[in-house]
Amino acid sequence: MKVMVPLTDGFEEIEALTVVDVLRRAGLDVETVGVVRSVVKGAHGVRVMADKRLMEVNPRQYDVIVLPGGPGYKTLARASKLMETLKEFHSKGKTIGAICAAPAVLAQAGILEEKRATIYPGMEKELSYPRGNRVVIDENIITSQGPGTAMEFALALVKKLKGNTEMMKLKQELVVS
């Protein structure tokens, strides 16, 4: 199973890198994809070299897409190729994850209509059916609130993609209560 994690300047480092690390530990093929460029600077100055650039990838090669939040979410929403990819994933029932402010990108793409989701506290007006939970799963969509929920979010993705046994194994290895 192949996972795309799009990165743009201003991404929230904890959210992106926790997801990448945990999913790779679960044996998933995870690629970071620079939306604009290869070297991407996070919201707190951490620079990351993306595995690929968005213009170089065929989104159909991926099974899952996970959007980190942070102030860079606005750039994600302006990336037409990414927005089309999200719509296509949703129409095919592929798994889509978004954390922090990134569920607003899903809402702009029109894929959260009739879906329960959560978002960074204070941004609930961006969603049709906001929930206050730390992680919300509605069929193929998994959303989460922010940096402090990144581990729960990543483990929810593992459970959805690899099953409860793999998720519990990782929780134990990572010493997550």
C-alpha atoms as a PDB file:
ATOM      1  CA  MET A   1       0.000   0.000   0.000  1.00  0.00           C
ATOM      2  CA  LYS A   2       1.445   3.346  -1.074  1.00  0.00           C
ATOM      3  CA  VAL A   3       0.871   6.572   0.903  1.00  0.00           C
ATOM      4  CA  MET A   4       1.417  10.170  -0.255  1.00  0.00           C
ATOM      5  CA  VAL A   5       2.119  12.914   2.298  1.00  0.00           C
ATOM      6  CA  PRO A   6       2.127  16.275   0.462  1.00  0.00           C
ATOM      7  CA  LEU A   7       4.377  18.920   2.008  1.00  0.00           C
ATOM      8  CA  THR A   8       4.491  22.642   1.415  1.00  0.00           C
ATOM      9  CA  ASP A   9       6.262  25.466   3.218  1.00  0.00           C
ATOM     10  CA  GLY A  10       4.548  26.011   6.550  1.00  0.00           C
ATOM     11  CA  PHE A  11       3.594  22.364   7.178  1.00  0.00           C
ATOM     12  CA  GLU A  12       3.306  21.370  10.842  1.00  0.00           C
ATOM     13  CA  GLU A  13       6.369  19.211  11.488  1.00  0.00           C
ATOM     14  CA  ILE A  14       4.971  17.086  14.328  1.00  0.00           C
ATOM     15  CA  GLU A  15       1.927  16.130  12.283  1.00  0.00           C
ATOM     16  CA  ALA A  16       3.739  15.296   9.055  1.00  0.00           C
ATOM     17  CA  LEU A  17       6.768  13.535  10.472  1.00  0.00           C
ATOM     18  CA  THR A  18       4.844  11.540  13.088  1.00  0.00           C
ATOM     19  CA  VAL A  19       2.560  10.194  10.361  1.00  0.00           C
ATOM     20  CA  VAL A  20       5.475   9.377   8.036  1.00  0.00           C
ATOM     21  CA  ASP A  21       7.447   7.658  10.802  1.00  0.00           C
ATOM     22  CA  VAL A  22       4.567   5.622  12.258  1.00  0.00           C
ATOM     23  CA  LEU A  23       3.242   4.497   8.863  1.00  0.00           C
ATOM     24  CA  ARG A  24       6.721   3.434   7.768  1.00  0.00           C
ATOM     25  CA  ARG A  25       7.144   1.482  11.014  1.00  0.00           C
ATOM     26  CA  ALA A  26       3.892  -0.282  10.075  1.00  0.00           C
ATOM     27  CA  GLY A  27       5.527  -1.381   6.817  1.00  0.00           C
ATOM     28  CA  LEU A  28       3.691   1.016   4.527  1.00  0.00           C
ATOM     29  CA  ASP A  29       5.402   2.602   1.524  1.00  0.00           C
ATOM     30  CA  VAL A  30       5.214   6.310   2.413  1.00  0.00           C
ATOM     31  CA  GLU A  31       6.473   9.090   0.150  1.00  0.00           C
ATOM     32  CA  THR A  32       6.704  12.739   1.056  1.00  0.00           C
ATOM     33  CA  VAL A  33       5.770  14.861  -1.943  1.00  0.00           C
ATOM     34  CA  GLY A  34       6.825  18.486  -2.221  1.00  0.00           C
ATOM     35  CA  VAL A  35       3.884  20.419  -3.627  1.00  0.00           C
ATOM     36  CA  VAL A  36       5.997  23.342  -4.858  1.00  0.00           C
ATOM     37  CA  ARG A  37       9.636  22.304  -4.373  1.00  0.00           C
ATOM     38  CA  SER A  38      11.839  19.493  -3.092  1.00  0.00           C
ATOM     39  CA  VAL A  39      13.199  21.207   0.024  1.00  0.00           C
ATOM     40  CA  VAL A  40      10.289  22.204   2.197  1.00  0.00           C
ATOM     41  CA  LYS A  41      10.471  24.379   5.321  1.00  0.00           C
ATOM     42  CA  GLY A  42       8.097  23.544   8.141  1.00  0.00           C
ATOM     43  CA  ALA A  43       6.207  26.028  10.287  1.00  0.00           C
ATOM     44  CA  HIS A  44       8.982  25.902  12.911  1.00  0.00           C
ATOM     45  CA  GLY A  45      11.966  26.063  10.588  1.00  0.00           C
ATOM     46  CA  VAL A  46      12.646  22.342  10.138  1.00  0.00           C
ATOM     47  CA  ARG A  47      13.713  21.713   6.546  1.00  0.00           C
ATOM     48  CA  VAL A  48      12.762  18.437   4.908  1.00  0.00           C
ATOM     49  CA  MET A  49      13.879  17.009   1.576  1.00  0.00           C
ATOM     50  CA  ALA A  50      10.738  15.571  -0.016  1.00  0.00           C
ATOM     51  CA  ASP A  51      11.061  12.187  -1.692  1.00  0.00           C
ATOM     52  CA  LYS A  52       9.430  13.546  -4.866  1.00  0.00           C
ATOM     53  CA  ARG A  53       7.740  16.641  -6.260  1.00  0.00           C
ATOM     54  CA  LEU A  54       4.032  16.741  -7.044  1.00  0.00           C
ATOM     55  CA  MET A  55       4.672  17.490 -10.705  1.00  0.00           C
ATOM     56  CA  GLU A  56       6.735  14.262 -10.932  1.00  0.00           C
ATOM     57  CA  VAL A  57       4.181  11.841  -9.493  1.00  0.00           C
ATOM     58  CA  ASN A  58       1.205   9.998 -10.868  1.00  0.00           C
ATOM     59  CA  PRO A  59      -1.398  10.252  -8.088  1.00  0.00           C
ATOM     60  CA  ARG A  60      -3.038   7.039  -9.330  1.00  0.00           C
ATOM     61  CA  GLN A  61       0.004   5.133  -8.015  1.00  0.00           C
ATOM     62  CA  TYR A  62      -1.060   5.938  -4.442  1.00  0.00           C
ATOM     63  CA  ASP A  63      -3.676   4.253  -2.274  1.00  0.00           C
ATOM     64  CA  VAL A  64      -3.770   6.800   0.562  1.00  0.00           C
ATOM     65  CA  ILE A  65      -3.170  10.533   0.925  1.00  0.00           C
ATOM     66  CA  VAL A  66      -2.528  12.265   4.258  1.00  0.00           C
ATOM     67  CA  LEU A  67      -2.461  16.059   4.603  1.00  0.00           C
ATOM     68  CA  PRO A  68      -0.566  17.657   7.488  1.00  0.00           C
ATOM     69  CA  GLY A  69      -1.785  20.978   8.847  1.00  0.00           C
ATOM     70  CA  GLY A  70       0.030  24.138   9.791  1.00  0.00           C
ATOM     71  CA  PRO A  71      -0.139  27.476   7.978  1.00  0.00           C
ATOM     72  CA  GLY A  72       0.900  25.724   4.754  1.00  0.00           C
ATOM     73  CA  TYR A  73      -2.599  24.255   4.435  1.00  0.00           C
ATOM     74  CA  LYS A  74      -3.619  27.307   2.388  1.00  0.00           C
ATOM     75  CA  THR A  75      -0.994  26.439  -0.239  1.00  0.00           C
ATOM     76  CA  LEU A  76      -2.303  22.858  -0.343  1.00  0.00           C
ATOM     77  CA  ALA A  77      -5.773  24.206  -1.140  1.00  0.00           C
ATOM     78  CA  ARG A  78      -4.379  26.271  -4.044  1.00  0.00           C
ATOM     79  CA  ALA A  79      -2.597  23.307  -5.657  1.00  0.00           C
ATOM     80  CA  SER A  80      -5.012  22.298  -8.424  1.00  0.00           C
ATOM     81  CA  LYS A  81      -3.348  18.906  -9.057  1.00  0.00           C
ATOM     82  CA  LEU A  82      -3.637  18.076  -5.361  1.00  0.00           C
ATOM     83  CA  MET A  83      -7.280  19.187  -5.190  1.00  0.00           C
ATOM     84  CA  GLU A  84      -8.135  17.037  -8.226  1.00  0.00           C
ATOM     85  CA  THR A  85      -6.287  14.108  -6.639  1.00  0.00           C
ATOM     86  CA  LEU A  86      -8.302  14.485  -3.430  1.00  0.00           C
ATOM     87  CA  LYS A  87     -11.575  14.506  -5.388  1.00  0.00           C
ATOM     88  CA  GLU A  88     -10.534  11.419  -7.351  1.00  0.00           C
ATOM     89  CA  PHE A  89      -9.457   9.578  -4.188  1.00  0.00           C
ATOM     90  CA  HIS A  90     -12.783  10.371  -2.566  1.00  0.00           C
ATOM     91  CA  SER A  91     -14.812   9.257  -5.594  1.00  0.00           C
ATOM     92  CA  LYS A  92     -12.966   5.921  -5.503  1.00  0.00           C
ATOM     93  CA  GLY A  93     -13.335   5.511  -1.729  1.00  0.00           C
ATOM     94  CA  LYS A  94      -9.569   5.648  -1.132  1.00  0.00           C
ATOM     95  CA  THR A  95      -8.389   6.569   2.355  1.00  0.00           C
ATOM     96  CA  ILE A  96      -7.802  10.278   2.970  1.00  0.00           C
ATOM     97  CA  GLY A  97      -6.366  11.699   6.178  1.00  0.00           C
ATOM     98  CA  ALA A  98      -6.114  15.328   7.289  1.00  0.00           C
ATOM     99  CA  ILE A  99      -4.989  16.839  10.573  1.00  0.00           C
ATOM    100  CA  CYS A 100      -5.078  20.277  12.214  1.00  0.00           C
ATOM    101  CA  ALA A 101      -6.148  22.924   9.644  1.00  0.00           C
ATOM    102  CA  ALA A 102      -5.917  20.493   6.700  1.00  0.00           C
ATOM    103  CA  PRO A 103      -9.532  19.251   6.993  1.00  0.00           C
ATOM    104  CA  ALA A 104     -10.402  22.732   5.638  1.00  0.00           C
ATOM    105  CA  VAL A 105      -8.659  21.655   2.410  1.00  0.00           C
ATOM    106  CA  LEU A 106     -10.921  18.601   2.252  1.00  0.00           C
ATOM    107  CA  ALA A 107     -13.947  20.841   2.811  1.00  0.00           C
ATOM    108  CA  GLN A 108     -12.820  23.154  -0.009  1.00  0.00           C
ATOM    109  CA  ALA A 109     -12.481  20.117  -2.273  1.00  0.00           C
ATOM    110  CA  GLY A 110     -16.113  19.293  -1.470  1.00  0.00           C
ATOM    111  CA  ILE A 111     -15.381  15.899   0.033  1.00  0.00           C
ATOM    112  CA  LEU A 112     -16.549  16.584   3.583  1.00  0.00           C
ATOM    113  CA  GLU A 113     -20.175  17.244   2.625  1.00  0.00           C
ATOM    114  CA  GLU A 114     -22.271  14.773   4.603  1.00  0.00           C
ATOM    115  CA  LYS A 115     -19.125  13.675   6.511  1.00  0.00           C
ATOM    116  CA  ARG A 116     -18.335  13.978  10.190  1.00  0.00           C
ATOM    117  CA  ALA A 117     -14.870  15.440  10.764  1.00  0.00           C
ATOM    118  CA  THR A 118     -12.754  17.335  13.251  1.00  0.00           C
ATOM    119  CA  ILE A 119     -10.364  20.227  12.780  1.00  0.00           C
ATOM    120  CA  TYR A 120      -8.043  22.492  14.766  1.00  0.00           C
ATOM    121  CA  PRO A 121     -10.062  24.080  17.606  1.00  0.00           C
ATOM    122  CA  GLY A 122     -11.496  27.426  16.522  1.00  0.00           C
ATOM    123  CA  MET A 123     -11.798  26.406  12.852  1.00  0.00           C
ATOM    124  CA  GLU A 124     -15.028  24.401  13.195  1.00  0.00           C
ATOM    125  CA  LYS A 125     -16.931  26.832  10.926  1.00  0.00           C
ATOM    126  CA  GLU A 126     -14.935  25.359   8.002  1.00  0.00           C
ATOM    127  CA  LEU A 127     -16.776  22.030   8.358  1.00  0.00           C
ATOM    128  CA  SER A 128     -20.355  20.960   7.630  1.00  0.00           C
ATOM    129  CA  TYR A 129     -20.525  18.461  10.509  1.00  0.00           C
ATOM    130  CA  PRO A 130     -17.733  19.333  12.971  1.00  0.00           C
ATOM    131  CA  ARG A 131     -17.004  17.095  15.919  1.00  0.00           C
ATOM    132  CA  GLY A 132     -14.942  17.890  19.005  1.00  0.00           C
ATOM    133  CA  ASN A 133     -13.187  14.507  19.122  1.00  0.00           C
ATOM    134  CA  ARG A 134      -9.403  14.264  18.838  1.00  0.00           C
ATOM    135  CA  VAL A 135      -9.696  11.836  15.897  1.00  0.00           C
ATOM    136  CA  VAL A 136     -12.811  11.276  13.772  1.00  0.00           C
ATOM    137  CA  ILE A 137     -13.260   8.448  11.276  1.00  0.00           C
ATOM    138  CA  ASP A 138     -16.110   8.596   8.754  1.00  0.00           C
ATOM    139  CA  GLU A 139     -15.775   5.773   6.225  1.00  0.00           C
ATOM    140  CA  ASN A 140     -12.672   6.578   4.126  1.00  0.00           C
ATOM    141  CA  ILE A 141     -11.951   9.952   5.807  1.00  0.00           C
ATOM    142  CA  ILE A 142      -9.831  10.256   8.955  1.00  0.00           C
ATOM    143  CA  THR A 143      -9.377  13.694  10.531  1.00  0.00           C
ATOM    144  CA  SER A 144      -7.642  14.922  13.659  1.00  0.00           C
ATOM    145  CA  GLN A 145      -7.230  18.151  15.639  1.00  0.00           C
ATOM    146  CA  GLY A 146      -3.554  19.076  15.804  1.00  0.00           C
ATOM    147  CA  PRO A 147       0.029  18.403  16.908  1.00  0.00           C
ATOM    148  CA  GLY A 148      -0.998  16.885  20.241  1.00  0.00           C
ATOM    149  CA  THR A 149      -3.199  14.335  18.467  1.00  0.00           C
ATOM    150  CA  ALA A 150      -0.641  13.339  15.814  1.00  0.00           C
ATOM    151  CA  MET A 151       0.224   9.963  17.381  1.00  0.00           C
ATOM    152  CA  GLU A 152      -3.442   8.999  17.809  1.00  0.00           C
ATOM    153  CA  PHE A 153      -4.087  10.087  14.211  1.00  0.00           C
ATOM    154  CA  ALA A 154      -1.154   8.064  12.864  1.00  0.00           C
ATOM    155  CA  LEU A 155      -2.243   4.984  14.822  1.00  0.00           C
ATOM    156  CA  ALA A 156      -5.832   5.379  13.545  1.00  0.00           C
ATOM    157  CA  LEU A 157      -4.411   5.363  10.011  1.00  0.00           C
ATOM    158  CA  VAL A 158      -2.429   2.197  10.802  1.00  0.00           C
ATOM    159  CA  LYS A 159      -5.557   0.522  12.189  1.00  0.00           C
ATOM    160  CA  LYS A 160      -7.553   1.443   9.057  1.00  0.00           C
ATOM    161  CA  LEU A 161      -4.797   0.355   6.651  1.00  0.00           C
ATOM    162  CA  LYS A 162      -3.173  -2.617   8.421  1.00  0.00           C
ATOM    163  CA  GLY A 163      -5.676  -3.712  11.062  1.00  0.00           C
ATOM    164  CA  ASN A 164      -6.017  -3.634  14.828  1.00  0.00           C
ATOM    165  CA  THR A 165      -3.277  -6.213  15.499  1.00  0.00           C
ATOM    166  CA  GLU A 166      -0.607  -4.120  13.734  1.00  0.00           C
ATOM    167  CA  MET A 167      -1.844  -0.965  15.448  1.00  0.00           C
ATOM    168  CA  MET A 168      -1.702  -2.592  18.910  1.00  0.00           C
ATOM    169  CA  LYS A 169       1.785  -3.955  18.187  1.00  0.00           C
ATOM    170  CA  LEU A 170       2.994  -0.475  17.251  1.00  0.00           C
ATOM    171  CA  LYS A 171       1.360   1.089  20.309  1.00  0.00           C
ATOM    172  CA  GLN A 172       3.317  -1.327  22.483  1.00  0.00           C
ATOM    173  CA  GLU A 173       6.614  -0.764  20.625  1.00  0.00           C
ATOM    174  CA  LEU A 174       6.171   3.021  20.764  1.00  0.00           C
ATOM    175  CA  VAL A 175       5.115   2.930  24.448  1.00  0.00           C
ATOM    176  CA  VAL A 176       1.799   4.643  23.709  1.00  0.00           C
ATOM    177  CA  SER A 177      -0.791   4.217  26.461  1.00  0.00           C
END
